[in-house]
C-alpha atoms as a PDB file:
ATOM      1  CA  MET A   1     -21.280  -8.240  -9.249  1.00  0.00           C
ATOM      2  CA  VAL A   2     -20.770  -4.233  -9.910  1.00  0.00           C
ATOM      3  CA  GLU A   3     -19.982  -3.687 -13.373  1.00  0.00           C
ATOM      4  CA  ALA A   4     -16.229  -1.752 -13.880  1.00  0.00           C
ATOM      5  CA  TYR A   5     -15.691   1.740 -13.933  1.00  0.00           C
ATOM      6  CA  LEU A   6     -12.393   1.284 -16.320  1.00  0.00           C
ATOM      7  CA  TYR A   7     -12.956  -1.112 -19.366  1.00  0.00           C
ATOM      8  CA  ARG A   8     -13.202  -0.694 -23.233  1.00  0.00           C
ATOM      9  CA  LYS A   9     -14.644  -3.429 -25.413  1.00  0.00           C
ATOM     10  CA  ILE A  10     -12.346  -4.638 -28.136  1.00  0.00           C
ATOM     11  CA  LYS A  11     -14.121  -7.169 -30.693  1.00  0.00           C
ATOM     12  CA  GLY A  12     -17.405  -9.289 -30.087  1.00  0.00           C
ATOM     13  CA  LYS A  13     -17.183 -10.285 -26.500  1.00  0.00           C
ATOM     14  CA  THR A  14     -13.604  -9.411 -25.381  1.00  0.00           C
ATOM     15  CA  ALA A  15     -12.872  -6.459 -23.491  1.00  0.00           C
ATOM     16  CA  GLN A  16      -9.659  -4.840 -22.078  1.00  0.00           C
ATOM     17  CA  CYS A  17      -9.704  -4.067 -18.130  1.00  0.00           C
ATOM     18  CA  GLN A  18      -7.978  -0.430 -17.845  1.00  0.00           C
ATOM     19  CA  THR A  19      -7.877  -0.597 -13.699  1.00  0.00           C
ATOM     20  CA  CYS A  20      -4.390  -1.583 -13.274  1.00  0.00           C
ATOM     21  CA  ALA A  21      -1.106  -1.347 -15.047  1.00  0.00           C
ATOM     22  CA  HIS A  22      -1.387  -4.841 -16.908  1.00  0.00           C
ATOM     23  CA  TYR A  23      -4.446  -3.622 -18.865  1.00  0.00           C
ATOM     24  CA  CYS A  24      -5.852  -7.413 -19.253  1.00  0.00           C
ATOM     25  CA  ILE A  25      -7.507  -8.379 -22.471  1.00  0.00           C
ATOM     26  CA  ILE A  26     -10.149 -10.735 -21.012  1.00  0.00           C
ATOM     27  CA  GLU A  27     -12.247 -13.050 -22.850  1.00  0.00           C
ATOM     28  CA  ASN A  28     -15.519 -13.732 -22.277  1.00  0.00           C
ATOM     29  CA  GLY A  29     -16.236 -15.852 -19.136  1.00  0.00           C
ATOM     30  CA  GLN A  30     -12.272 -15.485 -17.948  1.00  0.00           C
ATOM     31  CA  ARG A  31     -10.894 -13.464 -15.123  1.00  0.00           C
ATOM     32  CA  GLY A  32      -8.038 -10.831 -15.367  1.00  0.00           C
ATOM     33  CA  ILE A  33      -4.461 -11.600 -13.756  1.00  0.00           C
ATOM     34  CA  CYS A  34      -6.158  -9.979 -10.279  1.00  0.00           C
ATOM     35  CA  GLY A  35      -8.516 -12.899  -9.885  1.00  0.00           C
ATOM     36  CA  VAL A  36     -11.404 -10.616  -8.912  1.00  0.00           C
ATOM     37  CA  ARG A  37     -12.622  -9.078 -12.577  1.00  0.00           C
ATOM     38  CA  LYS A  38     -14.693 -11.065 -14.780  1.00  0.00           C
ATOM     39  CA  ASN A  39     -15.724 -10.566 -18.514  1.00  0.00           C
ATOM     40  CA  LYS A  40     -19.382 -11.404 -18.507  1.00  0.00           C
ATOM     41  CA  ASN A  41     -20.955 -11.190 -21.990  1.00  0.00           C
ATOM     42  CA  GLY A  42     -18.506  -8.465 -22.937  1.00  0.00           C
ATOM     43  CA  LYS A  43     -18.855  -6.657 -20.004  1.00  0.00           C
ATOM     44  CA  ILE A  44     -16.224  -6.445 -17.457  1.00  0.00           C
ATOM     45  CA  TYR A  45     -17.384  -6.941 -13.503  1.00  0.00           C
ATOM     46  CA  SER A  46     -15.728  -6.396 -10.107  1.00  0.00           C
ATOM     47  CA  LEU A  47     -16.538  -9.819  -8.155  1.00  0.00           C
ATOM     48  CA  VAL A  48     -15.697  -8.407  -4.574  1.00  0.00           C
ATOM     49  CA  TYR A  49     -17.708  -5.350  -4.317  1.00  0.00           C
ATOM     50  CA  GLY A  50     -19.126  -4.683  -0.797  1.00  0.00           C
ATOM     51  CA  LYS A  51     -17.405  -8.264   0.059  1.00  0.00           C
ATOM     52  CA  PRO A  52     -14.481  -7.167   2.254  1.00  0.00           C
ATOM     53  CA  CYS A  53     -12.477 -10.237   3.500  1.00  0.00           C
ATOM     54  CA  ALA A  54     -10.944  -8.259   6.520  1.00  0.00           C
ATOM     55  CA  ILE A  55     -11.893  -5.521   8.651  1.00  0.00           C
ATOM     56  CA  HIS A  56      -9.892  -3.828  11.424  1.00  0.00           C
ATOM     57  CA  ILE A  57      -9.228  -0.927  13.289  1.00  0.00           C
ATOM     58  CA  ASP A  58      -5.309  -0.621  13.304  1.00  0.00           C
ATOM     59  CA  PRO A  59      -2.806   1.671  14.748  1.00  0.00           C
ATOM     60  CA  ILE A  60      -2.075   4.070  11.381  1.00  0.00           C
ATOM     61  CA  GLU A  61       1.582   3.166  12.150  1.00  0.00           C
ATOM     62  CA  LYS A  62       1.007  -0.506  11.468  1.00  0.00           C
ATOM     63  CA  LYS A  63       0.494   0.486   7.677  1.00  0.00           C
ATOM     64  CA  PRO A  64       3.155   1.967   8.126  1.00  0.00           C
ATOM     65  CA  PHE A  65       2.381   5.387   8.155  1.00  0.00           C
ATOM     66  CA  PHE A  66       4.862   7.418  10.404  1.00  0.00           C
ATOM     67  CA  HIS A  67       4.271  10.791   9.533  1.00  0.00           C
ATOM     68  CA  PHE A  68       0.618  10.745   8.369  1.00  0.00           C
ATOM     69  CA  LEU A  69      -1.933  11.097  11.491  1.00  0.00           C
ATOM     70  CA  PRO A  70       0.869   9.896  14.039  1.00  0.00           C
ATOM     71  CA  GLY A  71      -0.888   7.990  17.154  1.00  0.00           C
ATOM     72  CA  THR A  72      -4.428   7.566  15.519  1.00  0.00           C
ATOM     73  CA  ARG A  73      -6.111   4.344  14.512  1.00  0.00           C
ATOM     74  CA  SER A  74      -7.499   3.670  11.197  1.00  0.00           C
ATOM     75  CA  LEU A  75     -10.501   1.600   9.920  1.00  0.00           C
ATOM     76  CA  SER A  76      -8.989  -0.753   7.708  1.00  0.00           C
ATOM     77  CA  LEU A  77     -10.151  -3.064   5.125  1.00  0.00           C
ATOM     78  CA  ALA A  78      -9.285  -5.348   2.105  1.00  0.00           C
ATOM     79  CA  THR A  79     -11.406  -7.423  -0.459  1.00  0.00           C
ATOM     80  CA  ALA A  80      -9.652 -10.448  -1.878  1.00  0.00           C
ATOM     81  CA  GLY A  81      -7.443 -10.359  -5.021  1.00  0.00           C
ATOM     82  CA  CYS A  82      -4.244  -8.863  -5.848  1.00  0.00           C
ATOM     83  CA  ASN A  83      -2.771  -7.642  -9.409  1.00  0.00           C
ATOM     84  CA  PHE A  84       0.991  -9.240  -8.310  1.00  0.00           C
ATOM     85  CA  THR A  85       1.762 -12.476  -7.451  1.00  0.00           C
ATOM     86  CA  CYS A  86       4.704 -11.580  -4.845  1.00  0.00           C
ATOM     87  CA  ALA A  87       6.620 -14.617  -3.619  1.00  0.00           C
ATOM     88  CA  ASN A  88       7.301 -13.005  -0.220  1.00  0.00           C
ATOM     89  CA  CYS A  89       3.532 -12.245   0.381  1.00  0.00           C
ATOM     90  CA  GLN A  90       2.474 -12.476   3.841  1.00  0.00           C
ATOM     91  CA  ASN A  91      -1.385 -12.120   3.224  1.00  0.00           C
ATOM     92  CA  TRP A  92      -1.358 -14.742   0.108  1.00  0.00           C
ATOM     93  CA  SER A  93      -4.351 -16.323   1.298  1.00  0.00           C
ATOM     94  CA  ILE A  94      -6.303 -13.593   0.465  1.00  0.00           C
ATOM     95  CA  SER A  95      -4.351 -11.829  -2.153  1.00  0.00           C
ATOM     96  CA  GLN A  96      -3.623 -15.049  -4.114  1.00  0.00           C
ATOM     97  CA  GLY A  97      -6.676 -17.298  -2.700  1.00  0.00           C
ATOM     98  CA  PRO A  98      -8.844 -16.468  -5.966  1.00  0.00           C
ATOM     99  CA  LYS A  99      -6.044 -17.395  -8.388  1.00  0.00           C
ATOM    100  CA  ILE A 100      -4.306 -20.590  -6.987  1.00  0.00           C
ATOM    101  CA  SER A 101      -7.797 -22.299  -6.350  1.00  0.00           C
ATOM    102  CA  ASP A 102     -10.054 -22.573  -9.257  1.00  0.00           C
ATOM    103  CA  GLU A 103     -12.830 -23.996  -7.027  1.00  0.00           C
ATOM    104  CA  ILE A 104     -12.895 -21.213  -4.811  1.00  0.00           C
ATOM    105  CA  ASP A 105     -16.112 -19.237  -5.151  1.00  0.00           C
ATOM    106  CA  LEU A 106     -15.536 -15.759  -4.816  1.00  0.00           C
ATOM    107  CA  PRO A 107     -18.223 -14.319  -3.308  1.00  0.00           C
ATOM    108  CA  SER A 108     -18.039 -16.845  -0.402  1.00  0.00           C
ATOM    109  CA  PHE A 109     -14.504 -16.808  -0.021  1.00  0.00           C
ATOM    110  CA  SER A 110     -14.749 -12.636  -0.340  1.00  0.00           C
ATOM    111  CA  LYS A 111     -17.641 -12.459   2.328  1.00  0.00           C
ATOM    112  CA  SER A 112     -17.606 -10.131   4.946  1.00  0.00           C
ATOM    113  CA  ILE A 113     -16.561 -10.649   8.909  1.00  0.00           C
ATOM    114  CA  GLU A 114     -20.569 -10.358   9.341  1.00  0.00           C
ATOM    115  CA  GLY A 115     -21.044 -13.273   6.983  1.00  0.00           C
ATOM    116  CA  GLU A 116     -22.917 -12.898   4.013  1.00  0.00           C
ATOM    117  CA  LYS A 117     -24.370  -9.520   4.393  1.00  0.00           C
ATOM    118  CA  LYS A 118     -23.212  -7.119   2.377  1.00  0.00           C
ATOM    119  CA  ILE A 119     -20.842  -4.381   3.314  1.00  0.00           C
ATOM    120  CA  THR A 120     -21.729  -1.163   1.293  1.00  0.00           C
ATOM    121  CA  PRO A 121     -19.517   2.072   1.396  1.00  0.00           C
ATOM    122  CA  LYS A 122     -21.848   3.727   3.559  1.00  0.00           C
ATOM    123  CA  ASN A 123     -21.834   1.278   6.341  1.00  0.00           C
ATOM    124  CA  LEU A 124     -17.823   1.615   6.283  1.00  0.00           C
ATOM    125  CA  VAL A 125     -18.027   5.163   6.751  1.00  0.00           C
ATOM    126  CA  GLU A 126     -20.790   4.538   9.490  1.00  0.00           C
ATOM    127  CA  LEU A 127     -18.239   2.176  10.975  1.00  0.00           C
ATOM    128  CA  ALA A 128     -15.506   4.435  11.056  1.00  0.00           C
ATOM    129  CA  LEU A 129     -17.611   7.424  12.857  1.00  0.00           C
ATOM    130  CA  LYS A 130     -18.874   5.075  15.287  1.00  0.00           C
ATOM    131  CA  ASN A 131     -15.019   4.013  16.342  1.00  0.00           C
ATOM    132  CA  ASN A 132     -14.223   7.702  16.549  1.00  0.00           C
ATOM    133  CA  VAL A 133     -11.170   7.305  13.895  1.00  0.00           C
ATOM    134  CA  PRO A 134     -10.196  10.194  11.518  1.00  0.00           C
ATOM    135  CA  SER A 135      -9.172   7.939   8.436  1.00  0.00           C
ATOM    136  CA  ILE A 136     -10.117   4.716   6.440  1.00  0.00           C
ATOM    137  CA  SER A 137      -7.094   2.698   5.052  1.00  0.00           C
ATOM    138  CA  TYR A 138      -7.692   0.390   1.837  1.00  0.00           C
ATOM    139  CA  THR A 139      -4.711  -2.236   2.365  1.00  0.00           C
ATOM    140  CA  TYR A 140      -3.946  -5.916   3.285  1.00  0.00           C
ATOM    141  CA  THR A 141      -4.467  -6.833  -0.445  1.00  0.00           C
ATOM    142  CA  GLU A 142      -3.941  -4.530  -3.414  1.00  0.00           C
ATOM    143  CA  PRO A 143      -6.855  -1.620  -3.242  1.00  0.00           C
ATOM    144  CA  THR A 144      -6.429  -1.227  -6.787  1.00  0.00           C
ATOM    145  CA  VAL A 145      -8.258  -4.520  -7.553  1.00  0.00           C
ATOM    146  CA  PHE A 146     -11.093  -3.162  -5.669  1.00  0.00           C
ATOM    147  CA  LEU A 147     -11.289  -0.031  -6.942  1.00  0.00           C
ATOM    148  CA  GLU A 148     -14.706   0.740  -7.314  1.00  0.00           C
ATOM    149  CA  TYR A 149     -15.409  -0.365  -3.746  1.00  0.00           C
ATOM    150  CA  ALA A 150     -12.789   1.665  -2.632  1.00  0.00           C
ATOM    151  CA  LEU A 151     -13.634   4.733  -4.677  1.00  0.00           C
ATOM    152  CA  ASP A 152     -17.505   4.718  -3.481  1.00  0.00           C
ATOM    153  CA  THR A 153     -15.998   4.804  -0.151  1.00  0.00           C
ATOM    154  CA  MET A 154     -13.732   7.601  -0.616  1.00  0.00           C
ATOM    155  CA  LYS A 155     -15.960   9.951  -1.894  1.00  0.00           C
ATOM    156  CA  LEU A 156     -18.551   9.425   1.279  1.00  0.00           C
ATOM    157  CA  ALA A 157     -15.497   9.432   3.567  1.00  0.00           C
ATOM    158  CA  LYS A 158     -14.065  12.727   2.410  1.00  0.00           C
ATOM    159  CA  LYS A 159     -17.625  14.313   2.675  1.00  0.00           C
ATOM    160  CA  LYS A 160     -17.756  13.315   6.393  1.00  0.00           C
ATOM    161  CA  ASN A 161     -14.378  14.765   6.939  1.00  0.00           C
ATOM    162  CA  LEU A 162     -12.656  11.208   7.160  1.00  0.00           C
ATOM    163  CA  LYS A 163      -8.833  10.635   5.164  1.00  0.00           C
ATOM    164  CA  ASN A 164      -8.511   7.921   2.807  1.00  0.00           C
ATOM    165  CA  ALA A 165      -5.192   6.031   2.832  1.00  0.00           C
ATOM    166  CA  TRP A 166      -3.965   3.744   0.251  1.00  0.00           C
ATOM    167  CA  VAL A 167      -1.525   0.989   1.139  1.00  0.00           C
ATOM    168  CA  THR A 168      -0.512  -0.193  -2.563  1.00  0.00           C
ATOM    169  CA  ASN A 169       2.013  -1.881  -4.879  1.00  0.00           C
ATOM    170  CA  GLY A 170       1.925   1.309  -7.119  1.00  0.00           C
ATOM    171  CA  PHE A 171       1.151  -0.909 -10.175  1.00  0.00           C
ATOM    172  CA  LEU A 172      -2.014   1.136 -11.185  1.00  0.00           C
ATOM    173  CA  SER A 173      -3.198   2.706 -14.271  1.00  0.00           C
ATOM    174  CA  LYS A 174      -3.132   6.190 -15.079  1.00  0.00           C
ATOM    175  CA  GLU A 175      -6.932   6.319 -15.664  1.00  0.00           C
ATOM    176  CA  SER A 176      -7.002   4.778 -12.276  1.00  0.00           C
ATOM    177  CA  PHE A 177      -5.237   7.324 -10.964  1.00  0.00           C
ATOM    178  CA  GLU A 178      -7.117  10.233 -11.951  1.00  0.00           C
ATOM    179  CA  LEU A 179     -10.546   8.648 -10.356  1.00  0.00           C
ATOM    180  CA  ILE A 180      -8.857   8.291  -6.920  1.00  0.00           C
ATOM    181  CA  ALA A 181      -6.598  11.141  -6.993  1.00  0.00           C
ATOM    182  CA  PRO A 182      -9.106  13.911  -5.585  1.00  0.00           C
ATOM    183  CA  TYR A 183     -10.106  11.903  -2.655  1.00  0.00           C
ATOM    184  CA  LEU A 184      -6.454  10.308  -1.743  1.00  0.00           C
ATOM    185  CA  ASP A 185      -4.987  12.070   1.180  1.00  0.00           C
ATOM    186  CA  ALA A 186      -1.899   9.384   1.981  1.00  0.00           C
ATOM    187  CA  ALA A 187      -0.392   6.287   0.288  1.00  0.00           C
ATOM    188  CA  ASN A 188       2.497   4.047   1.264  1.00  0.00           C
ATOM    189  CA  VAL A 189       3.539   2.534  -1.803  1.00  0.00           C
ATOM    190  CA  ASP A 190       5.874  -0.617  -1.958  1.00  0.00           C
ATOM    191  CA  LEU A 191       9.255   0.302  -3.667  1.00  0.00           C
ATOM    192  CA  LYS A 192       9.983  -3.320  -4.107  1.00  0.00           C
ATOM    193  CA  SER A 193      13.277  -3.109  -5.939  1.00  0.00           C
ATOM    194  CA  PHE A 194      14.914  -0.615  -8.323  1.00  0.00           C
ATOM    195  CA  SER A 195      14.964  -3.602 -10.620  1.00  0.00           C
ATOM    196  CA  ASN A 196      12.749  -4.500 -13.248  1.00  0.00           C
ATOM    197  CA  ASP A 197      13.912  -8.006 -13.416  1.00  0.00           C
ATOM    198  CA  PHE A 198      12.732  -8.519  -9.643  1.00  0.00           C
ATOM    199  CA  TYR A 199       9.309  -7.260 -10.032  1.00  0.00           C
ATOM    200  CA  ALA A 200       9.194  -9.468 -13.183  1.00  0.00           C
ATOM    201  CA  LYS A 201      10.436 -12.756 -11.772  1.00  0.00           C
ATOM    202  CA  TYR A 202       9.226 -12.112  -8.190  1.00  0.00           C
ATOM    203  CA  CYS A 203       6.166 -10.042  -8.527  1.00  0.00           C
ATOM    204  CA  GLY A 204       4.744 -10.328 -11.657  1.00  0.00           C
ATOM    205  CA  GLY A 205       4.601  -6.924 -12.550  1.00  0.00           C
ATOM    206  CA  GLN A 206       6.751  -4.212 -13.662  1.00  0.00           C
ATOM    207  CA  LEU A 207       9.056  -1.336 -12.234  1.00  0.00           C
ATOM    208  CA  PHE A 208       8.378   1.642 -14.564  1.00  0.00           C
ATOM    209  CA  PRO A 209       4.439   2.207 -13.807  1.00  0.00           C
ATOM    210  CA  VAL A 210       5.351   2.157 -10.423  1.00  0.00           C
ATOM    211  CA  LEU A 211       7.697   4.657 -10.387  1.00  0.00           C
ATOM    212  CA  GLU A 212       5.360   6.494 -13.037  1.00  0.00           C
ATOM    213  CA  THR A 213       2.493   6.537  -9.991  1.00  0.00           C
ATOM    214  CA  LEU A 214       4.863   7.846  -7.333  1.00  0.00           C
ATOM    215  CA  LYS A 215       5.769  10.831  -9.253  1.00  0.00           C
ATOM    216  CA  LEU A 216       1.749  11.447 -10.168  1.00  0.00           C
ATOM    217  CA  MET A 217       1.301  11.394  -6.409  1.00  0.00           C
ATOM    218  CA  LYS A 218       4.022  13.692  -5.699  1.00  0.00           C
ATOM    219  CA  LYS A 219       2.554  16.046  -8.395  1.00  0.00           C
ATOM    220  CA  ASN A 220      -0.612  16.071  -7.063  1.00  0.00           C
ATOM    221  CA  LYS A 221       0.154  16.670  -3.501  1.00  0.00           C
ATOM    222  CA  ILE A 222      -0.536  13.173  -1.983  1.00  0.00           C
ATOM    223  CA  TRP A 223       1.316  12.511   0.985  1.00  0.00           C
ATOM    224  CA  THR A 224       3.537   9.565   0.283  1.00  0.00           C
ATOM    225  CA  GLU A 225       5.734   7.226   2.293  1.00  0.00           C
ATOM    226  CA  ILE A 226       7.844   4.438   0.752  1.00  0.00           C
ATOM    227  CA  THR A 227       8.384   0.916   2.056  1.00  0.00           C
ATOM    228  CA  THR A 228      11.094  -1.426   0.804  1.00  0.00           C
ATOM    229  CA  LEU A 229      11.147  -4.984   1.776  1.00  0.00           C
ATOM    230  CA  VAL A 230      14.626  -6.132   2.104  1.00  0.00           C
ATOM    231  CA  ILE A 231      15.024  -9.831   0.999  1.00  0.00           C
ATOM    232  CA  PRO A 232      18.199 -11.774   1.497  1.00  0.00           C
ATOM    233  CA  GLY A 233      20.060 -12.281  -1.578  1.00  0.00           C
ATOM    234  CA  LEU A 234      17.481 -11.199  -3.811  1.00  0.00           C
ATOM    235  CA  ASN A 235      16.976  -6.924  -3.153  1.00  0.00           C
ATOM    236  CA  ASP A 236      19.904  -6.447  -0.417  1.00  0.00           C
ATOM    237  CA  SER A 237      23.019  -5.041  -2.720  1.00  0.00           C
ATOM    238  CA  GLU A 238      24.130  -1.641  -1.784  1.00  0.00           C
ATOM    239  CA  LYS A 239      23.440  -0.400  -5.566  1.00  0.00           C
ATOM    240  CA  ASN A 240      19.800  -1.414  -4.986  1.00  0.00           C
ATOM    241  CA  PHE A 241      19.760   0.794  -1.700  1.00  0.00           C
ATOM    242  CA  LYS A 242      21.564   3.647  -3.404  1.00  0.00           C
ATOM    243  CA  ASP A 243      19.239   3.785  -6.594  1.00  0.00           C
ATOM    244  CA  THR A 244      16.281   3.544  -4.373  1.00  0.00           C
ATOM    245  CA  ALA A 245      17.248   6.269  -1.984  1.00  0.00           C
ATOM    246  CA  LEU A 246      18.561   8.768  -5.037  1.00  0.00           C
ATOM    247  CA  PHE A 247      15.208   8.459  -6.737  1.00  0.00           C
ATOM    248  CA  ILE A 248      13.070   8.799  -3.795  1.00  0.00           C
ATOM    249  CA  LYS A 249      15.108  12.201  -3.052  1.00  0.00           C
ATOM    250  CA  ASN A 250      14.964  13.531  -6.387  1.00  0.00           C
ATOM    251  CA  GLU A 251      11.830  12.297  -7.476  1.00  0.00           C
ATOM    252  CA  LEU A 252       9.945  12.774  -4.241  1.00  0.00           C
ATOM    253  CA  GLY A 253      11.686  14.896  -2.350  1.00  0.00           C
ATOM    254  CA  PRO A 254      13.818  14.361   0.741  1.00  0.00           C
ATOM    255  CA  GLU A 255      11.113  14.914   3.279  1.00  0.00           C
ATOM    256  CA  THR A 256       9.262  11.539   1.724  1.00  0.00           C
ATOM    257  CA  PRO A 257       9.850   9.038   4.631  1.00  0.00           C
ATOM    258  CA  TRP A 258      11.519   5.684   3.773  1.00  0.00           C
ATOM    259  CA  HIS A 259      10.299   2.486   5.557  1.00  0.00           C
ATOM    260  CA  ILE A 260      13.447  -0.214   5.248  1.00  0.00           C
ATOM    261  CA  SER A 261      11.513  -3.479   6.463  1.00  0.00           C
ATOM    262  CA  ARG A 262      12.955  -6.641   7.728  1.00  0.00           C
ATOM    263  CA  PHE A 263      11.766  -9.742   5.980  1.00  0.00           C
ATOM    264  CA  SER A 264      11.095 -13.181   7.723  1.00  0.00           C
ATOM    265  CA  GLY A 265      10.490 -15.822   5.535  1.00  0.00           C
ATOM    266  CA  THR A 266       8.208 -17.993   8.061  1.00  0.00           C
ATOM    267  CA  ALA A 267       4.784 -16.024   7.195  1.00  0.00           C
ATOM    268  CA  SER A 268       5.360 -15.678   3.513  1.00  0.00           C
ATOM    269  CA  TRP A 269       4.036 -17.335   0.394  1.00  0.00           C
ATOM    270  CA  LYS A 270       6.837 -18.767  -1.463  1.00  0.00           C
ATOM    271  CA  PHE A 271      10.126 -17.852   0.393  1.00  0.00           C
ATOM    272  CA  GLN A 272       9.641 -19.828   3.455  1.00  0.00           C
ATOM    273  CA  ASP A 273      13.322 -21.264   3.403  1.00  0.00           C
ATOM    274  CA  LEU A 274      15.139 -17.811   3.285  1.00  0.00           C
ATOM    275  CA  PRO A 275      16.708 -16.155   6.230  1.00  0.00           C
ATOM    276  CA  ASP A 276      15.337 -13.476   7.891  1.00  0.00           C
ATOM    277  CA  THR A 277      17.220 -10.059   6.961  1.00  0.00           C
ATOM    278  CA  PRO A 278      20.366  -9.649   8.728  1.00  0.00           C
ATOM    279  CA  LEU A 279      20.527  -6.624  10.697  1.00  0.00           C
ATOM    280  CA  PRO A 280      23.536  -5.204   9.397  1.00  0.00           C
ATOM    281  CA  THR A 281      21.862  -5.030   5.979  1.00  0.00           C
ATOM    282  CA  LEU A 282      19.441  -2.734   7.454  1.00  0.00           C
ATOM    283  CA  ALA A 283      21.871  -0.488   9.231  1.00  0.00           C
ATOM    284  CA  LEU A 284      23.833  -0.418   5.759  1.00  0.00           C
ATOM    285  CA  ALA A 285      20.139   0.450   3.767  1.00  0.00           C
ATOM    286  CA  HIS A 286      19.651   3.131   6.617  1.00  0.00           C
ATOM    287  CA  ARG A 287      22.979   4.630   6.363  1.00  0.00           C
ATOM    288  CA  ILE A 288      22.736   4.803   2.553  1.00  0.00           C
ATOM    289  CA  GLY A 289      19.142   6.741   3.103  1.00  0.00           C
ATOM    290  CA  ILE A 290      20.671   9.243   5.193  1.00  0.00           C
ATOM    291  CA  GLU A 291      23.824   9.931   3.247  1.00  0.00           C
ATOM    292  CA  THR A 292      21.705  10.040   0.101  1.00  0.00           C
ATOM    293  CA  GLY A 293      20.007  13.124   1.953  1.00  0.00           C
ATOM    294  CA  LEU A 294      16.665  11.739   2.983  1.00  0.00           C
ATOM    295  CA  LYS A 295      15.498  13.313   6.188  1.00  0.00           C
ATOM    296  CA  TYR A 296      13.334  10.022   7.180  1.00  0.00           C
ATOM    297  CA  VAL A 297      14.837   6.541   7.243  1.00  0.00           C
ATOM    298  CA  TYR A 298      12.909   3.842   9.040  1.00  0.00           C
ATOM    299  CA  CYS A 299      13.838   0.175   9.993  1.00  0.00           C
ATOM    300  CA  GLY A 300      10.646  -1.628  10.087  1.00  0.00           C
ATOM    301  CA  ASN A 301       9.640  -5.203  11.561  1.00  0.00           C
ATOM    302  CA  VAL A 302      12.631  -4.852  14.053  1.00  0.00           C
ATOM    303  CA  SER A 303      11.569  -3.760  17.960  1.00  0.00           C
ATOM    304  CA  GLY A 304      13.385  -1.600  20.425  1.00  0.00           C
ATOM    305  CA  ILE A 305      15.854   0.620  17.723  1.00  0.00           C
ATOM    306  CA  GLU A 306      16.322   3.900  17.342  1.00  0.00           C
ATOM    307  CA  SER A 307      15.704   4.054  13.641  1.00  0.00           C
ATOM    308  CA  GLU A 308      11.701   3.566  14.449  1.00  0.00           C
ATOM    309  CA  ASN A 309      11.888   6.927  16.146  1.00  0.00           C
ATOM    310  CA  THR A 310      11.645  10.424  14.105  1.00  0.00           C
ATOM    311  CA  PHE A 311      14.372  12.577  14.777  1.00  0.00           C
ATOM    312  CA  CYS A 312      14.425  16.296  13.867  1.00  0.00           C
ATOM    313  CA  PRO A 313      16.565  16.529  10.279  1.00  0.00           C
ATOM    314  CA  HIS A 314      18.094  19.559  12.060  1.00  0.00           C
ATOM    315  CA  CYS A 315      19.157  19.257  14.956  1.00  0.00           C
ATOM    316  CA  GLN A 316      18.679  15.592  15.485  1.00  0.00           C
ATOM    317  CA  GLU A 317      16.520  15.764  18.544  1.00  0.00           C
ATOM    318  CA  LYS A 318      14.367  12.675  18.995  1.00  0.00           C
ATOM    319  CA  MET A 319      10.449  14.054  18.305  1.00  0.00           C
ATOM    320  CA  ILE A 320       8.460  11.264  18.175  1.00  0.00           C
ATOM    321  CA  SER A 321       9.369   7.700  19.904  1.00  0.00           C
ATOM    322  CA  ARG A 322       7.561   4.525  19.045  1.00  0.00           C
ATOM    323  CA  ILE A 323       7.937   1.025  21.011  1.00  0.00           C
ATOM    324  CA  GLY A 324       5.505  -1.122  18.868  1.00  0.00           C
ATOM    325  CA  TYR A 325       2.519   0.734  18.028  1.00  0.00           C
ATOM    326  CA  SER A 326       3.028   2.707  21.203  1.00  0.00           C
ATOM    327  CA  VAL A 327       3.876   6.367  19.896  1.00  0.00           C
ATOM    328  CA  LYS A 328       5.012   9.515  22.171  1.00  0.00           C
ATOM    329  CA  ARG A 329       5.383  12.627  20.583  1.00  0.00           C
ATOM    330  CA  THR A 330       7.623  15.638  22.080  1.00  0.00           C
ATOM    331  CA  ASP A 331       7.109  17.867  18.945  1.00  0.00           C
ATOM    332  CA  ASN A 332       5.346  21.026  18.902  1.00  0.00           C
ATOM    333  CA  LYS A 333       2.348  20.487  16.596  1.00  0.00           C
ATOM    334  CA  GLY A 334       4.257  19.245  13.700  1.00  0.00           C
ATOM    335  CA  ARG A 335       7.565  21.239  14.584  1.00  0.00           C
ATOM    336  CA  CYS A 336      10.747  20.414  16.544  1.00  0.00           C
ATOM    337  CA  SER A 337      10.158  21.712  19.948  1.00  0.00           C
ATOM    338  CA  LYS A 338      14.064  22.359  20.227  1.00  0.00           C
ATOM    339  CA  CYS A 339      14.973  24.252  17.128  1.00  0.00           C
ATOM    340  CA  ASN A 340      11.308  24.761  15.605  1.00  0.00           C
ATOM    341  CA  GLU A 341      12.358  22.876  12.334  1.00  0.00           C
ATOM    342  CA  LYS A 342       9.490  21.387  10.421  1.00  0.00           C
ATOM    343  CA  LEU A 343       8.889  17.727  10.726  1.00  0.00           C
ATOM    344  CA  ASN A 344       6.666  17.182   7.792  1.00  0.00           C
ATOM    345  CA  ILE A 345       3.859  15.684   9.859  1.00  0.00           C
ATOM    346  CA  ILE A 346       0.177  15.373   8.394  1.00  0.00           C
ATOM    347  CA  GLU A 347      -2.457  16.015  11.296  1.00  0.00           C
END
């Protein structure tokens, strides 16, 4: 176990974790909401440092990032645990595993793909360099809950000119954001709904801290893309789409990509009986995003449609074509090859 970077002692052996926006008050011997931070005699420890439960080399588009290092691959990793309890989670076995069974021995549950051997931040950076990838992505579960492991890796990665990208729910504390901001190059943030009731009922969180994190990312010039998974009957109203699009445009900027993803219940944690998102619903959200003034609106989890491609926001010429994770670029170093408009590409 590694002692947490952000916590404060309260009284006796009680301590408050300051890693995410829950600010859990944890009694001695207990874990926080994430399931992977434990109070031991008044000190809070991370139970998953150096123990990734997933390591893969992924296309960066899988995160999804469409404007950050397009067409490249990224070393992608996660540990067990999450500070949310999203009913729609498709990685629930690793995100919720430490919470839904008291019998799980965390070091074993979180062991790396190489067995019991600890995978250090240095090992991760060496693996990225060995595979000639330009970035490391902290993804699959919520990187905030393995902050110490992620941060130590990010620092070493930055020294080796590797870029760092988070795929996150955005529900981190301001203290955590201040630690990672100097080393974070990009983030894809789930803006799950523009309803706090949705966050409270289906995610075990709140909307406001997520919005504050997004504003901080914009202020600190961290490249940000937004993902909204559209779940039938829960967050698919026209008002929700309009509120989300307006926030992105007004607070983050019209150049911020918005990924509108299709829900599929078959792999979800608790929503297996819900139908897949109807294609007309995705089309409605896409239209609202464009009419609101967003330059780049994409529909995800749907193959073979034009709304997965990048079009010049000025002349509408197709500049990046995507079929699955296959990418074909016809732009001129991040500018439209027809009219020279900037395409907001981070290379």
